């Protein structure tokens, strides 16, 4: 996995799946893996809404990939 190779990684998803994402990360030895979460859903909505939701996550994504 990229994170285990030292490549900064962030998982983007919705708050609906936060618990699952954290459990999966822990089960894979990646406890503390950064998450960038946005309101649910991402599927079945207009592209403009997806883009707006992505904008909500950009700070978390940048923080995750810029960490050392």
Protein backbone atom coordinates (compact mmCIF):
# COMPACT_ATOMS: atom_id res chain seq x y z
CA UNK A 1 0.00 0.00 0.00
CA UNK A 2 1.18 3.51 -0.72
CA UNK A 3 0.93 4.72 2.87
CA UNK A 4 3.10 1.84 4.08
CA UNK A 5 5.69 2.82 1.45
CA UNK A 6 5.86 6.35 2.80
CA UNK A 7 3.64 7.95 0.17
CA UNK A 8 1.23 10.36 1.88
CA UNK A 9 -2.27 9.03 1.36
CA UNK A 10 -5.77 10.19 2.20
CA UNK A 11 -9.05 8.34 1.86
CA UNK A 12 -11.94 10.43 0.58
CA UNK A 13 -15.47 9.36 1.37
CA UNK A 14 -18.65 10.38 3.09
CA UNK A 15 -19.45 10.70 6.77
CA UNK A 16 -21.83 7.77 6.29
CA UNK A 17 -18.83 5.44 5.91
CA UNK A 18 -16.43 6.97 8.46
CA UNK A 19 -16.69 4.10 10.94
CA UNK A 20 -16.14 1.51 8.21
CA UNK A 21 -13.15 3.43 6.81
CA UNK A 22 -11.50 3.68 10.23
CA UNK A 23 -12.10 -0.02 10.97
CA UNK A 24 -10.67 -1.08 7.61
CA UNK A 25 -7.63 1.16 8.08
CA UNK A 26 -7.01 -0.28 11.55
CA UNK A 27 -7.44 -3.85 10.29
CA UNK A 28 -4.78 -3.15 7.66
CA UNK A 29 -2.35 -1.70 10.20
CA UNK A 30 -3.01 1.87 9.10
CA UNK A 31 -4.68 3.30 12.18
CA UNK A 32 -4.65 7.07 11.88
CA UNK A 33 -4.88 7.02 8.08
CA UNK A 34 -6.19 10.48 7.16
CA UNK A 35 -9.78 10.73 6.01
CA UNK A 36 -11.33 13.56 4.01
CA UNK A 37 -15.05 13.26 4.63
CA UNK A 38 -17.95 15.03 2.97
CA UNK A 39 -21.74 14.81 3.32
CA UNK A 40 -23.41 11.72 1.87
CA UNK A 41 -24.09 10.85 -0.96
CA UNK A 42 -21.53 11.25 -3.73
CA UNK A 43 -23.30 9.03 -6.23
CA UNK A 44 -26.51 9.82 -8.03
CA UNK A 45 -26.13 13.59 -7.71
CA UNK A 46 -25.25 16.19 -10.33
CA UNK A 47 -21.56 16.68 -11.11
CA UNK A 48 -21.76 20.25 -9.80
CA UNK A 49 -22.76 18.92 -6.37
CA UNK A 50 -19.89 16.42 -6.38
CA UNK A 51 -17.47 19.24 -7.23
CA UNK A 52 -18.89 21.36 -4.42
CA UNK A 53 -18.48 18.50 -1.95
CA UNK A 54 -14.91 17.91 -3.12
CA UNK A 55 -14.22 21.55 -2.36
CA UNK A 56 -15.27 20.90 1.23
CA UNK A 57 -12.59 18.21 1.53
CA UNK A 58 -9.66 20.00 -0.10
CA UNK A 59 -8.19 21.29 3.17
CA UNK A 60 -8.14 17.79 4.69
CA UNK A 61 -6.61 16.36 1.51
CA UNK A 62 -3.87 18.99 1.40
CA UNK A 63 -3.10 18.57 5.10
CA UNK A 64 -2.80 14.80 4.62
CA UNK A 65 -0.50 14.88 1.61
CA UNK A 66 1.68 17.69 2.97
CA UNK A 67 2.41 16.03 6.32
CA UNK A 68 5.85 14.70 6.96
